[in-house]
Amino acid sequence: MRKSRWIKGLSAGFLMMSLLAGCAGANSAPAPSATEAATATTAGGGGETEEAAPAADGSWPGSSVQLLVPSKAGGITDIYTRYVQGSLQKSTGGNFATSDYDTEAEGYENLRSANADGTTFLFQHSTLICKYLTGAVEYDPSTESRVVGEVADMGSQAIICSPDTPYDTWDESIAYAKEHPGDVTTVIATNGTTHSIFGQVQKNCGVELNMVECSSEADKLT
C-alpha cells in the first residue's frame, strides 16, 4: 500500500511547493480558490472544521498569522515564504511572521498543534510526501492537511557538480561512478526528495554513491 502511495506522491510532488494548512478530514475536499483560502480551515491537529477568524470588518486575517518553514533560514523554501509574507502583508494589511525550524519534524508538529482558525500555514514541497512515505514522520499530508495555494512550480531539477570534477556530462559522471564505486559523493536530505532521486540513480544506473546528509541548500553547495 505504501508503495502505491509512494509512486503517486512522487509524481505529483516534485514540481510543487505548496502552502499547506492542517485540517482534519479535509483530504476529500477540493482545493479552495485563492479567495476561499483566505477563509478556509487552516491549521489544526483534529476536531471539527473551523472557519478562519475574520477581523471586525469581516476581512482576513483578523489576527497575526504564522508562516511555518520546516527548514533552516536562507534556503529556497524560506526565501519563497518571505516573498509571500511581504505580498500578503501588502495586500491585506495584516501582520504575518515567518518561523524557521532546524528540522522538518518541528515544523510539522507546530502545524498539527495549531488551532484551525486561519492563522497558521506550512510551506513545503515534495519532501513532506517523501518523509511520510518513507516512515520518517507520522504526519500524513493527505489526511492531516490540505493545499490552499501553490506558491511556485519548481520546474526541472538540475544535478550540479564542482567545475574540477573529471567529467562534463551525465553519461561521463555515471561511467566514472561505475569505475569508482563509493567515490562519488552526493548530498541529500535523508528520506526526502533528493534521497529518493539519488536512490533511483543508484538503482537504475547500477552505481554506488556516497550519500551525505545535507538538508539545506547552503549546506549542499558547501
N, C-alpha and C. Protein backbone atom coordinates (compact mmCIF):
# COMPACT_ATOMS: atom_id res chain seq x y z
N MET A 1 0.82 -1.20 0.00
CA MET A 1 0.00 0.00 0.00
C MET A 1 0.86 1.26 0.00
N ARG A 2 1.91 1.21 0.82
CA ARG A 2 2.79 2.38 0.86
C ARG A 2 3.49 2.57 -0.47
N LYS A 3 3.78 1.48 -1.17
CA LYS A 3 4.49 1.59 -2.44
C LYS A 3 3.65 2.36 -3.45
N SER A 4 2.35 2.05 -3.52
CA SER A 4 1.49 2.75 -4.49
C SER A 4 1.38 4.22 -4.13
N ARG A 5 1.30 4.54 -2.84
CA ARG A 5 1.23 5.93 -2.42
C ARG A 5 2.54 6.63 -2.76
N TRP A 6 3.66 5.89 -2.61
CA TRP A 6 4.99 6.44 -2.91
C TRP A 6 5.06 6.90 -4.35
N ILE A 7 4.68 6.03 -5.28
CA ILE A 7 4.75 6.37 -6.71
C ILE A 7 3.83 7.53 -7.02
N LYS A 8 2.62 7.48 -6.47
CA LYS A 8 1.65 8.52 -6.72
C LYS A 8 2.13 9.86 -6.16
N GLY A 9 2.66 9.81 -4.95
CA GLY A 9 3.09 11.04 -4.30
C GLY A 9 4.24 11.71 -5.01
N LEU A 10 5.21 10.92 -5.46
CA LEU A 10 6.37 11.49 -6.12
C LEU A 10 6.00 12.12 -7.45
N SER A 11 5.11 11.47 -8.19
CA SER A 11 4.75 12.02 -9.50
C SER A 11 4.05 13.35 -9.37
N ALA A 12 3.36 13.56 -8.27
CA ALA A 12 2.63 14.81 -8.08
C ALA A 12 3.45 15.84 -7.34
N GLY A 13 4.49 15.38 -6.62
CA GLY A 13 5.13 16.27 -5.68
C GLY A 13 6.36 17.01 -6.13
N PHE A 14 7.10 16.51 -7.10
CA PHE A 14 8.38 17.11 -7.43
C PHE A 14 8.25 18.54 -7.92
N LEU A 15 7.17 18.87 -8.60
CA LEU A 15 7.04 20.19 -9.20
C LEU A 15 6.32 21.19 -8.33
N MET A 16 5.96 20.80 -7.14
CA MET A 16 5.08 21.64 -6.37
C MET A 16 5.66 22.08 -5.04
N MET A 17 5.58 23.36 -4.79
CA MET A 17 5.84 23.87 -3.45
C MET A 17 4.51 24.43 -2.98
N SER A 18 3.96 23.84 -1.95
CA SER A 18 2.59 24.17 -1.58
C SER A 18 2.49 24.81 -0.22
N LEU A 19 1.52 25.67 -0.10
CA LEU A 19 1.15 26.23 1.18
C LEU A 19 0.16 25.27 1.78
N LEU A 20 0.52 24.62 2.88
CA LEU A 20 -0.33 23.62 3.48
C LEU A 20 -0.97 24.15 4.74
N ALA A 21 -2.20 23.72 4.97
CA ALA A 21 -2.88 24.09 6.18
C ALA A 21 -3.58 22.88 6.74
N GLY A 22 -3.32 22.55 7.99
CA GLY A 22 -3.88 21.35 8.59
C GLY A 22 -5.37 21.44 8.73
N CYS A 23 -6.05 20.33 8.44
CA CYS A 23 -7.49 20.30 8.58
C CYS A 23 -7.91 18.85 8.67
N ALA A 24 -8.35 18.40 9.82
CA ALA A 24 -8.72 17.01 9.99
C ALA A 24 -9.83 16.64 9.04
N GLY A 25 -9.62 15.55 8.29
CA GLY A 25 -10.63 15.06 7.39
C GLY A 25 -10.82 15.89 6.15
N ALA A 26 -9.88 16.78 5.82
CA ALA A 26 -10.06 17.67 4.67
C ALA A 26 -9.56 17.08 3.38
N ASN A 27 -9.02 15.84 3.42
CA ASN A 27 -8.42 15.30 2.21
C ASN A 27 -9.43 15.05 1.10
N SER A 28 -10.71 14.91 1.44
CA SER A 28 -11.70 14.66 0.42
C SER A 28 -12.26 15.93 -0.17
N ALA A 29 -11.92 17.06 0.42
CA ALA A 29 -12.45 18.33 -0.07
C ALA A 29 -11.58 18.86 -1.18
N PRO A 30 -12.16 19.53 -2.21
CA PRO A 30 -11.35 20.11 -3.28
C PRO A 30 -10.56 21.29 -2.77
N ALA A 31 -9.42 21.56 -3.42
CA ALA A 31 -8.61 22.71 -3.02
C ALA A 31 -9.39 23.98 -3.26
N PRO A 32 -9.42 24.92 -2.28
CA PRO A 32 -10.19 26.14 -2.44
C PRO A 32 -9.52 27.11 -3.38
N SER A 33 -10.28 28.08 -3.84
CA SER A 33 -9.72 29.14 -4.67
C SER A 33 -8.93 30.07 -3.79
N ALA A 34 -8.23 31.03 -4.41
CA ALA A 34 -7.43 31.98 -3.63
C ALA A 34 -8.32 32.77 -2.67
N THR A 35 -9.52 33.12 -3.10
CA THR A 35 -10.43 33.86 -2.24
C THR A 35 -10.91 33.00 -1.09
N GLU A 36 -11.26 31.74 -1.41
CA GLU A 36 -11.74 30.84 -0.37
C GLU A 36 -10.63 30.50 0.61
N ALA A 37 -9.39 30.48 0.13
CA ALA A 37 -8.27 30.12 1.01
C ALA A 37 -8.14 31.09 2.16
N ALA A 38 -8.52 32.33 1.95
CA ALA A 38 -8.40 33.34 2.99
C ALA A 38 -9.32 33.05 4.16
N THR A 39 -10.40 32.30 3.90
CA THR A 39 -11.34 31.99 4.98
C THR A 39 -11.51 30.50 5.19
N ALA A 40 -10.62 29.69 4.57
CA ALA A 40 -10.74 28.24 4.68
C ALA A 40 -10.20 27.75 6.00
N THR A 41 -10.55 26.53 6.36
CA THR A 41 -9.95 25.90 7.52
C THR A 41 -8.47 25.77 7.27
N THR A 42 -7.65 26.08 8.27
CA THR A 42 -6.22 26.01 8.05
C THR A 42 -5.59 25.05 9.04
N ALA A 43 -4.85 25.51 10.02
CA ALA A 43 -4.08 24.57 10.82
C ALA A 43 -4.89 23.93 11.91
N GLY A 44 -4.50 22.70 12.28
CA GLY A 44 -5.15 22.04 13.39
C GLY A 44 -4.81 20.58 13.43
N GLY A 45 -4.77 20.03 14.64
CA GLY A 45 -4.42 18.64 14.77
C GLY A 45 -5.63 17.74 14.89
N GLY A 46 -6.83 18.26 14.85
CA GLY A 46 -8.02 17.42 14.96
C GLY A 46 -9.21 18.25 15.33
N GLY A 47 -10.35 17.57 15.47
CA GLY A 47 -11.56 18.29 15.87
C GLY A 47 -12.37 18.72 14.67
N GLU A 48 -13.42 19.47 14.94
CA GLU A 48 -14.32 19.90 13.88
C GLU A 48 -13.71 21.02 13.05
N THR A 49 -14.18 21.13 11.81
CA THR A 49 -13.72 22.17 10.91
C THR A 49 -14.12 23.54 11.44
N GLU A 50 -13.19 24.48 11.38
CA GLU A 50 -13.45 25.84 11.81
C GLU A 50 -13.14 26.79 10.68
N GLU A 51 -13.82 27.92 10.63
CA GLU A 51 -13.51 28.91 9.62
C GLU A 51 -12.44 29.85 10.13
N ALA A 52 -11.71 30.43 9.20
CA ALA A 52 -10.65 31.36 9.58
C ALA A 52 -11.24 32.54 10.33
N ALA A 53 -10.52 32.98 11.35
CA ALA A 53 -11.02 34.08 12.18
C ALA A 53 -11.02 35.39 11.39
N PRO A 54 -12.19 36.01 11.20
CA PRO A 54 -12.24 37.27 10.47
C PRO A 54 -11.95 38.46 11.36
N ALA A 55 -11.58 39.57 10.75
CA ALA A 55 -11.40 40.80 11.50
C ALA A 55 -12.78 41.38 11.80
N ALA A 56 -12.82 42.49 12.53
CA ALA A 56 -14.09 43.11 12.90
C ALA A 56 -14.91 43.47 11.68
N ASP A 57 -14.23 43.82 10.57
CA ASP A 57 -14.95 44.18 9.35
C ASP A 57 -15.21 42.98 8.44
N GLY A 58 -14.91 41.77 8.93
CA GLY A 58 -15.17 40.56 8.16
C GLY A 58 -14.03 40.14 7.25
N SER A 59 -12.93 40.88 7.20
CA SER A 59 -11.82 40.55 6.32
C SER A 59 -10.85 39.60 7.02
N TRP A 60 -9.95 39.01 6.23
CA TRP A 60 -8.91 38.13 6.74
C TRP A 60 -7.56 38.80 6.52
N PRO A 61 -6.63 38.69 7.46
CA PRO A 61 -6.73 37.97 8.74
C PRO A 61 -7.20 38.89 9.87
N GLY A 62 -7.83 38.30 10.85
CA GLY A 62 -8.28 39.09 11.98
C GLY A 62 -7.26 39.16 13.09
N SER A 63 -6.16 38.36 12.97
CA SER A 63 -5.09 38.37 13.97
C SER A 63 -3.79 38.00 13.28
N SER A 64 -2.71 37.95 14.03
CA SER A 64 -1.40 37.63 13.45
C SER A 64 -1.40 36.24 12.84
N VAL A 65 -0.64 36.09 11.74
CA VAL A 65 -0.57 34.82 11.01
C VAL A 65 0.87 34.31 11.01
N GLN A 66 1.04 33.03 11.34
CA GLN A 66 2.35 32.39 11.34
C GLN A 66 2.54 31.59 10.05
N LEU A 67 3.65 31.81 9.37
CA LEU A 67 4.01 31.06 8.18
C LEU A 67 5.18 30.15 8.57
N LEU A 68 4.94 28.86 8.64
CA LEU A 68 5.93 27.92 9.13
C LEU A 68 6.80 27.38 8.00
N VAL A 69 8.11 27.38 8.22
CA VAL A 69 9.07 26.83 7.26
C VAL A 69 9.82 25.70 7.96
N PRO A 70 9.57 24.44 7.57
CA PRO A 70 10.22 23.32 8.25
C PRO A 70 11.65 23.07 7.78
N SER A 71 12.46 24.13 7.74
CA SER A 71 13.86 24.02 7.36
C SER A 71 14.58 25.28 7.82
N LYS A 72 15.90 25.27 7.71
CA LYS A 72 16.69 26.39 8.20
C LYS A 72 16.49 27.65 7.35
N ALA A 73 16.72 28.80 7.97
CA ALA A 73 16.62 30.07 7.26
C ALA A 73 17.66 30.15 6.16
N GLY A 74 17.30 30.81 5.06
CA GLY A 74 18.23 31.02 3.97
C GLY A 74 18.07 30.07 2.81
N GLY A 75 17.26 29.02 2.98
CA GLY A 75 17.03 28.06 1.91
C GLY A 75 15.94 28.54 0.97
N ILE A 76 15.68 27.75 -0.08
CA ILE A 76 14.69 28.15 -1.08
C ILE A 76 13.30 28.27 -0.48
N THR A 77 12.91 27.31 0.36
CA THR A 77 11.57 27.37 0.96
C THR A 77 11.42 28.62 1.80
N ASP A 78 12.45 28.95 2.56
CA ASP A 78 12.42 30.15 3.41
C ASP A 78 12.31 31.41 2.56
N ILE A 79 13.06 31.47 1.46
CA ILE A 79 13.04 32.66 0.60
C ILE A 79 11.66 32.84 -0.03
N TYR A 80 11.09 31.75 -0.56
CA TYR A 80 9.74 31.83 -1.14
C TYR A 80 8.73 32.30 -0.09
N THR A 81 8.84 31.75 1.11
CA THR A 81 7.89 32.10 2.17
C THR A 81 7.95 33.58 2.50
N ARG A 82 9.15 34.13 2.55
CA ARG A 82 9.28 35.55 2.90
C ARG A 82 8.77 36.46 1.79
N TYR A 83 8.89 36.01 0.54
CA TYR A 83 8.28 36.77 -0.56
C TYR A 83 6.76 36.80 -0.40
N VAL A 84 6.20 35.63 -0.10
CA VAL A 84 4.75 35.54 0.09
C VAL A 84 4.32 36.35 1.31
N GLN A 85 5.12 36.31 2.37
CA GLN A 85 4.82 37.10 3.56
C GLN A 85 4.69 38.58 3.21
N GLY A 86 5.65 39.10 2.46
CA GLY A 86 5.61 40.51 2.08
C GLY A 86 4.41 40.83 1.22
N SER A 87 4.07 39.92 0.31
CA SER A 87 2.92 40.14 -0.57
C SER A 87 1.62 40.14 0.22
N LEU A 88 1.48 39.18 1.15
CA LEU A 88 0.26 39.12 1.96
C LEU A 88 0.12 40.33 2.86
N GLN A 89 1.22 40.78 3.43
CA GLN A 89 1.16 41.97 4.29
C GLN A 89 0.72 43.19 3.49
N LYS A 90 1.25 43.31 2.28
CA LYS A 90 0.92 44.46 1.44
C LYS A 90 -0.53 44.41 0.98
N SER A 91 -1.01 43.23 0.61
CA SER A 91 -2.36 43.13 0.05
C SER A 91 -3.46 43.12 1.09
N THR A 92 -3.16 42.65 2.32
CA THR A 92 -4.20 42.56 3.34
C THR A 92 -4.03 43.57 4.48
N GLY A 93 -2.80 44.09 4.63
CA GLY A 93 -2.55 44.98 5.76
C GLY A 93 -2.42 44.23 7.07
N GLY A 94 -2.39 42.89 7.00
CA GLY A 94 -2.29 42.07 8.20
C GLY A 94 -0.87 41.90 8.69
N ASN A 95 -0.76 41.24 9.82
CA ASN A 95 0.54 41.01 10.44
C ASN A 95 0.94 39.55 10.22
N PHE A 96 2.01 39.32 9.43
CA PHE A 96 2.47 37.98 9.10
C PHE A 96 3.92 37.80 9.57
N ALA A 97 4.23 36.62 10.07
CA ALA A 97 5.58 36.33 10.54
C ALA A 97 6.02 34.96 10.04
N THR A 98 7.27 34.86 9.59
CA THR A 98 7.83 33.60 9.13
C THR A 98 8.66 32.96 10.24
N SER A 99 8.40 31.69 10.51
CA SER A 99 9.13 30.96 11.55
C SER A 99 9.86 29.78 10.93
N ASP A 100 11.19 29.71 11.10
CA ASP A 100 12.00 28.63 10.57
C ASP A 100 12.32 27.62 11.67
N TYR A 101 12.48 26.36 11.25
CA TYR A 101 12.81 25.29 12.19
C TYR A 101 14.01 24.51 11.67
N ASP A 102 14.83 24.01 12.59
CA ASP A 102 16.02 23.27 12.19
C ASP A 102 15.69 21.92 11.57
N THR A 103 14.55 21.35 11.95
CA THR A 103 14.15 20.05 11.41
C THR A 103 12.72 20.12 10.87
N GLU A 104 12.43 19.26 9.88
CA GLU A 104 11.08 19.22 9.33
C GLU A 104 10.06 18.84 10.40
N ALA A 105 10.44 17.91 11.27
CA ALA A 105 9.51 17.41 12.28
C ALA A 105 8.98 18.53 13.17
N GLU A 106 9.84 19.48 13.53
CA GLU A 106 9.41 20.59 14.38
C GLU A 106 8.33 21.43 13.68
N GLY A 107 8.56 21.72 12.41
CA GLY A 107 7.59 22.50 11.66
C GLY A 107 6.27 21.78 11.52
N TYR A 108 6.33 20.46 11.21
CA TYR A 108 5.11 19.68 11.04
C TYR A 108 4.32 19.63 12.35
N GLU A 109 5.01 19.39 13.45
CA GLU A 109 4.33 19.28 14.74
C GLU A 109 3.69 20.59 15.16
N ASN A 110 4.33 21.71 14.83
CA ASN A 110 3.74 23.01 15.17
C ASN A 110 2.48 23.26 14.38
N LEU A 111 2.42 22.77 13.15
CA LEU A 111 1.19 22.89 12.37
C LEU A 111 0.10 22.01 12.97
N ARG A 112 0.46 20.80 13.34
CA ARG A 112 -0.53 19.87 13.88
C ARG A 112 -1.13 20.38 15.18
N SER A 113 -0.34 21.06 15.98
CA SER A 113 -0.82 21.51 17.28
C SER A 113 -1.51 22.86 17.24
N ALA A 114 -1.48 23.54 16.11
CA ALA A 114 -2.07 24.87 15.99
C ALA A 114 -3.60 24.78 15.87
N ASN A 115 -4.28 25.86 16.19
CA ASN A 115 -5.72 25.92 16.06
C ASN A 115 -6.12 26.07 14.59
N ALA A 116 -7.24 25.48 14.22
CA ALA A 116 -7.73 25.56 12.85
C ALA A 116 -8.54 26.85 12.68
N ASP A 117 -7.83 27.98 12.74
CA ASP A 117 -8.53 29.27 12.70
C ASP A 117 -7.98 30.21 11.62
N GLY A 118 -7.23 29.68 10.67
CA GLY A 118 -6.74 30.51 9.58
C GLY A 118 -5.54 31.36 9.92
N THR A 119 -4.81 31.00 10.99
CA THR A 119 -3.67 31.82 11.38
C THR A 119 -2.34 31.07 11.35
N THR A 120 -2.33 29.82 10.90
CA THR A 120 -1.09 29.06 10.83
C THR A 120 -1.04 28.29 9.52
N PHE A 121 0.05 28.49 8.75
CA PHE A 121 0.23 27.80 7.47
C PHE A 121 1.63 27.22 7.40
N LEU A 122 1.76 26.13 6.67
CA LEU A 122 3.06 25.49 6.47
C LEU A 122 3.44 25.55 5.00
N PHE A 123 4.67 25.97 4.73
CA PHE A 123 5.19 25.97 3.37
C PHE A 123 6.07 24.74 3.20
N GLN A 124 5.77 23.93 2.18
CA GLN A 124 6.57 22.72 1.98
C GLN A 124 6.41 22.22 0.56
N HIS A 125 7.35 21.37 0.15
CA HIS A 125 7.33 20.78 -1.19
C HIS A 125 7.26 19.28 -1.06
N SER A 126 7.75 18.56 -2.03
CA SER A 126 7.57 17.11 -2.06
C SER A 126 8.29 16.37 -0.94
N THR A 127 9.20 17.04 -0.24
CA THR A 127 9.88 16.38 0.88
C THR A 127 8.89 15.90 1.92
N LEU A 128 7.83 16.65 2.16
CA LEU A 128 6.83 16.24 3.13
C LEU A 128 6.22 14.90 2.74
N ILE A 129 5.93 14.73 1.45
CA ILE A 129 5.37 13.47 0.97
C ILE A 129 6.38 12.34 1.15
N CYS A 130 7.64 12.61 0.75
CA CYS A 130 8.69 11.59 0.87
C CYS A 130 8.91 11.18 2.32
N LYS A 131 8.96 12.16 3.21
CA LYS A 131 9.20 11.88 4.63
C LYS A 131 8.13 10.96 5.20
N TYR A 132 6.89 11.20 4.80
CA TYR A 132 5.80 10.35 5.29
C TYR A 132 5.87 8.96 4.69
N LEU A 133 6.08 8.88 3.38
CA LEU A 133 6.07 7.59 2.70
C LEU A 133 7.24 6.70 3.09
N THR A 134 8.34 7.30 3.54
CA THR A 134 9.48 6.51 3.99
C THR A 134 9.44 6.24 5.49
N GLY A 135 8.40 6.74 6.16
CA GLY A 135 8.26 6.49 7.58
C GLY A 135 9.07 7.41 8.47
N ALA A 136 9.65 8.47 7.90
CA ALA A 136 10.47 9.38 8.71
C ALA A 136 9.62 10.25 9.63
N VAL A 137 8.40 10.55 9.19
CA VAL A 137 7.48 11.31 10.04
C VAL A 137 6.12 10.62 10.00
N GLU A 138 5.32 10.82 11.05
CA GLU A 138 3.99 10.23 11.12
C GLU A 138 2.93 11.13 10.51
N TYR A 139 3.32 12.33 10.13
CA TYR A 139 2.39 13.33 9.61
C TYR A 139 1.96 12.97 8.20
N ASP A 140 0.72 12.56 8.03
CA ASP A 140 0.20 12.18 6.71
C ASP A 140 -0.45 13.39 6.07
N PRO A 141 0.18 14.00 5.05
CA PRO A 141 -0.36 15.23 4.47
C PRO A 141 -1.71 15.04 3.78
N SER A 142 -2.03 13.81 3.39
CA SER A 142 -3.29 13.58 2.67
C SER A 142 -4.50 13.59 3.60
N THR A 143 -4.27 13.37 4.91
CA THR A 143 -5.39 13.33 5.85
C THR A 143 -5.32 14.44 6.89
N GLU A 144 -4.13 14.98 7.13
CA GLU A 144 -3.98 15.97 8.19
C GLU A 144 -3.75 17.39 7.67
N SER A 145 -3.82 17.57 6.37
CA SER A 145 -3.62 18.90 5.82
C SER A 145 -4.27 18.97 4.45
N ARG A 146 -4.37 20.16 3.92
CA ARG A 146 -4.81 20.32 2.54
C ARG A 146 -4.09 21.51 1.92
N VAL A 147 -3.92 21.46 0.63
CA VAL A 147 -3.25 22.54 -0.09
C VAL A 147 -4.24 23.68 -0.28
N VAL A 148 -3.83 24.88 0.11
CA VAL A 148 -4.70 26.04 -0.08
C VAL A 148 -4.10 27.02 -1.08
N GLY A 149 -2.90 26.74 -1.56
CA GLY A 149 -2.30 27.61 -2.57
C GLY A 149 -0.98 27.05 -3.05
N GLU A 150 -0.74 27.13 -4.36
CA GLU A 150 0.54 26.72 -4.91
C GLU A 150 1.41 27.95 -5.06
N VAL A 151 2.54 27.95 -4.38
CA VAL A 151 3.42 29.11 -4.36
C VAL A 151 4.28 29.17 -5.60
N ALA A 152 4.84 28.03 -6.02
CA ALA A 152 5.76 28.04 -7.16
C ALA A 152 5.86 26.67 -7.77
N ASP A 153 5.94 26.62 -9.08
CA ASP A 153 6.26 25.40 -9.80
C ASP A 153 7.78 25.38 -9.94
N MET A 154 8.42 24.42 -9.31
CA MET A 154 9.88 24.41 -9.24
C MET A 154 10.54 24.09 -10.58
N GLY A 155 9.75 23.60 -11.55
CA GLY A 155 10.33 23.32 -12.86
C GLY A 155 11.29 22.15 -12.83
N SER A 156 12.17 22.09 -13.82
CA SER A 156 13.13 21.00 -13.91
C SER A 156 14.17 21.10 -12.80
N GLN A 157 14.66 19.94 -12.36
CA GLN A 157 15.72 19.91 -11.37
C GLN A 157 17.05 19.67 -12.06
N ALA A 158 18.10 20.22 -11.49
CA ALA A 158 19.44 20.07 -12.08
C ALA A 158 20.36 19.37 -11.09
N ILE A 159 21.25 18.55 -11.59
CA ILE A 159 22.30 17.95 -10.78
C ILE A 159 23.58 18.70 -11.12
N ILE A 160 24.17 19.37 -10.13
CA ILE A 160 25.34 20.20 -10.37
C ILE A 160 26.55 19.63 -9.64
N CYS A 161 27.72 19.97 -10.12
CA CYS A 161 28.95 19.47 -9.51
C CYS A 161 30.03 20.54 -9.59
N SER A 162 31.12 20.28 -8.92
CA SER A 162 32.26 21.19 -8.93
C SER A 162 32.88 21.24 -10.32
N PRO A 163 33.40 22.41 -10.74
CA PRO A 163 33.99 22.52 -12.09
C PRO A 163 35.26 21.70 -12.27
N ASP A 164 35.87 21.23 -11.19
CA ASP A 164 37.10 20.46 -11.33
C ASP A 164 36.88 18.94 -11.32
N THR A 165 35.62 18.52 -11.42
CA THR A 165 35.36 17.08 -11.49
C THR A 165 35.87 16.52 -12.82
N PRO A 166 36.23 15.24 -12.86
CA PRO A 166 36.79 14.64 -14.09
C PRO A 166 35.73 14.22 -15.11
N TYR A 167 34.59 14.88 -15.11
CA TYR A 167 33.55 14.58 -16.10
C TYR A 167 32.75 15.85 -16.38
N ASP A 168 32.18 15.91 -17.58
CA ASP A 168 31.45 17.11 -18.01
C ASP A 168 29.99 16.83 -18.37
N THR A 169 29.63 15.58 -18.52
CA THR A 169 28.27 15.24 -18.91
C THR A 169 27.71 14.19 -17.95
N TRP A 170 26.40 13.97 -18.05
CA TRP A 170 25.75 12.97 -17.21
C TRP A 170 26.31 11.57 -17.50
N ASP A 171 26.43 11.24 -18.76
CA ASP A 171 26.95 9.91 -19.12
C ASP A 171 28.37 9.70 -18.59
N GLU A 172 29.18 10.76 -18.67
CA GLU A 172 30.55 10.66 -18.17
C GLU A 172 30.57 10.47 -16.65
N SER A 173 29.65 11.15 -15.96
CA SER A 173 29.61 11.03 -14.50
C SER A 173 29.19 9.62 -14.08
N ILE A 174 28.24 9.03 -14.81
CA ILE A 174 27.81 7.67 -14.49
C ILE A 174 28.93 6.68 -14.77
N ALA A 175 29.63 6.87 -15.89
CA ALA A 175 30.76 5.99 -16.22
C ALA A 175 31.83 6.07 -15.15
N TYR A 176 32.11 7.29 -14.67
CA TYR A 176 33.11 7.48 -13.62
C TYR A 176 32.67 6.80 -12.32
N ALA A 177 31.38 6.95 -11.98
CA ALA A 177 30.86 6.35 -10.76
C ALA A 177 30.94 4.83 -10.80
N LYS A 178 30.74 4.26 -11.98
CA LYS A 178 30.85 2.80 -12.13
C LYS A 178 32.28 2.33 -11.94
N GLU A 179 33.23 3.14 -12.41
CA GLU A 179 34.64 2.78 -12.28
C GLU A 179 35.18 3.04 -10.88
N HIS A 180 34.50 3.93 -10.13
CA HIS A 180 34.94 4.30 -8.79
C HIS A 180 33.77 4.18 -7.80
N PRO A 181 33.34 2.95 -7.52
CA PRO A 181 32.19 2.76 -6.63
C PRO A 181 32.42 3.37 -5.25
N GLY A 182 31.45 4.19 -4.81
CA GLY A 182 31.51 4.80 -3.49
C GLY A 182 32.33 6.07 -3.42
N ASP A 183 33.02 6.44 -4.52
CA ASP A 183 33.88 7.63 -4.50
C ASP A 183 33.13 8.91 -4.85
N VAL A 184 32.04 8.80 -5.57
CA VAL A 184 31.28 10.00 -5.96
C VAL A 184 30.31 10.35 -4.84
N THR A 185 30.48 11.51 -4.27
CA THR A 185 29.64 11.95 -3.16
C THR A 185 28.45 12.76 -3.67
N THR A 186 27.28 12.43 -3.17
CA THR A 186 26.08 13.22 -3.45
C THR A 186 25.49 13.67 -2.13
N VAL A 187 24.94 14.88 -2.12
CA VAL A 187 24.37 15.42 -0.89
C VAL A 187 22.85 15.30 -0.95
N ILE A 188 22.27 14.85 0.17
CA ILE A 188 20.84 14.56 0.20
C ILE A 188 20.20 15.05 1.50
N ALA A 189 18.88 15.12 1.49
CA ALA A 189 18.10 15.25 2.72
C ALA A 189 17.55 13.86 2.99
N THR A 190 18.01 13.21 4.03
CA THR A 190 17.65 11.83 4.31
C THR A 190 16.14 11.63 4.33
N ASN A 191 15.68 10.63 3.58
CA ASN A 191 14.26 10.30 3.43
C ASN A 191 13.47 11.37 2.70
N GLY A 192 14.15 12.34 2.11
CA GLY A 192 13.48 13.40 1.37
C GLY A 192 13.57 13.20 -0.13
N THR A 193 13.24 14.26 -0.88
CA THR A 193 13.20 14.18 -2.34
C THR A 193 14.55 13.82 -2.93
N THR A 194 15.61 14.50 -2.48
CA THR A 194 16.94 14.24 -3.05
C THR A 194 17.41 12.82 -2.75
N HIS A 195 17.06 12.31 -1.58
CA HIS A 195 17.41 10.93 -1.23
C HIS A 195 16.73 9.97 -2.21
N SER A 196 15.48 10.24 -2.51
CA SER A 196 14.74 9.40 -3.47
C SER A 196 15.35 9.48 -4.86
N ILE A 197 15.71 10.70 -5.29
CA ILE A 197 16.29 10.88 -6.63
C ILE A 197 17.57 10.07 -6.78
N PHE A 198 18.50 10.25 -5.83
CA PHE A 198 19.78 9.57 -5.97
C PHE A 198 19.66 8.06 -5.69
N GLY A 199 18.65 7.67 -4.92
CA GLY A 199 18.38 6.25 -4.76
C GLY A 199 17.98 5.62 -6.08
N GLN A 200 17.16 6.36 -6.86
CA GLN A 200 16.76 5.89 -8.18
C GLN A 200 17.95 5.88 -9.15
N VAL A 201 18.84 6.87 -9.00
CA VAL A 201 20.04 6.89 -9.85
C VAL A 201 20.87 5.64 -9.59
N GLN A 202 21.07 5.32 -8.32
CA GLN A 202 21.85 4.11 -7.97
C GLN A 202 21.21 2.86 -8.58
N LYS A 203 19.90 2.75 -8.38
CA LYS A 203 19.19 1.55 -8.82
C LYS A 203 19.17 1.42 -10.34
N ASN A 204 18.84 2.51 -11.02
CA ASN A 204 18.64 2.44 -12.46
C ASN A 204 19.94 2.51 -13.27
N CYS A 205 20.97 3.13 -12.68
CA CYS A 205 22.23 3.28 -13.42
C CYS A 205 23.30 2.28 -12.98
N GLY A 206 22.98 1.51 -11.92
CA GLY A 206 23.92 0.49 -11.48
C GLY A 206 25.20 1.06 -10.90
N VAL A 207 25.08 2.12 -10.07
CA VAL A 207 26.25 2.73 -9.46
C VAL A 207 26.10 2.72 -7.94
N GLU A 208 27.22 2.89 -7.25
CA GLU A 208 27.23 3.02 -5.80
C GLU A 208 27.71 4.42 -5.45
N LEU A 209 26.83 5.21 -4.81
CA LEU A 209 27.15 6.60 -4.48
C LEU A 209 27.39 6.75 -2.98
N ASN A 210 28.18 7.73 -2.62
CA ASN A 210 28.39 8.07 -1.22
C ASN A 210 27.44 9.20 -0.87
N MET A 211 26.31 8.86 -0.23
CA MET A 211 25.29 9.86 0.08
C MET A 211 25.56 10.48 1.44
N VAL A 212 25.62 11.82 1.45
CA VAL A 212 25.93 12.56 2.67
C VAL A 212 24.74 13.45 3.02
N GLU A 213 24.35 13.45 4.30
CA GLU A 213 23.22 14.25 4.76
C GLU A 213 23.55 15.74 4.74
N CYS A 214 22.82 16.49 3.94
CA CYS A 214 22.92 17.96 3.88
C CYS A 214 21.53 18.47 3.51
N SER A 215 20.74 18.84 4.50
CA SER A 215 19.35 19.19 4.22
C SER A 215 19.17 20.55 3.58
N SER A 216 19.93 21.55 4.01
CA SER A 216 19.72 22.90 3.49
C SER A 216 20.50 23.11 2.19
N GLU A 217 19.99 24.04 1.36
CA GLU A 217 20.66 24.33 0.09
C GLU A 217 22.08 24.86 0.33
N ALA A 218 22.24 25.69 1.35
CA ALA A 218 23.56 26.24 1.65
C ALA A 218 24.55 25.13 1.99
N ASP A 219 24.11 24.16 2.79
CA ASP A 219 24.97 23.02 3.14
C ASP A 219 25.31 22.19 1.91
N LYS A 220 24.31 22.01 1.05
CA LYS A 220 24.54 21.22 -0.17
C LYS A 220 25.63 21.86 -1.04
N LEU A 221 25.53 23.17 -1.24
CA LEU A 221 26.51 23.86 -2.09
C LEU A 221 27.89 23.83 -1.47
N THR A 222 27.96 23.97 -0.15
CA THR A 222 29.26 23.91 0.52
C THR A 222 29.90 22.53 0.37
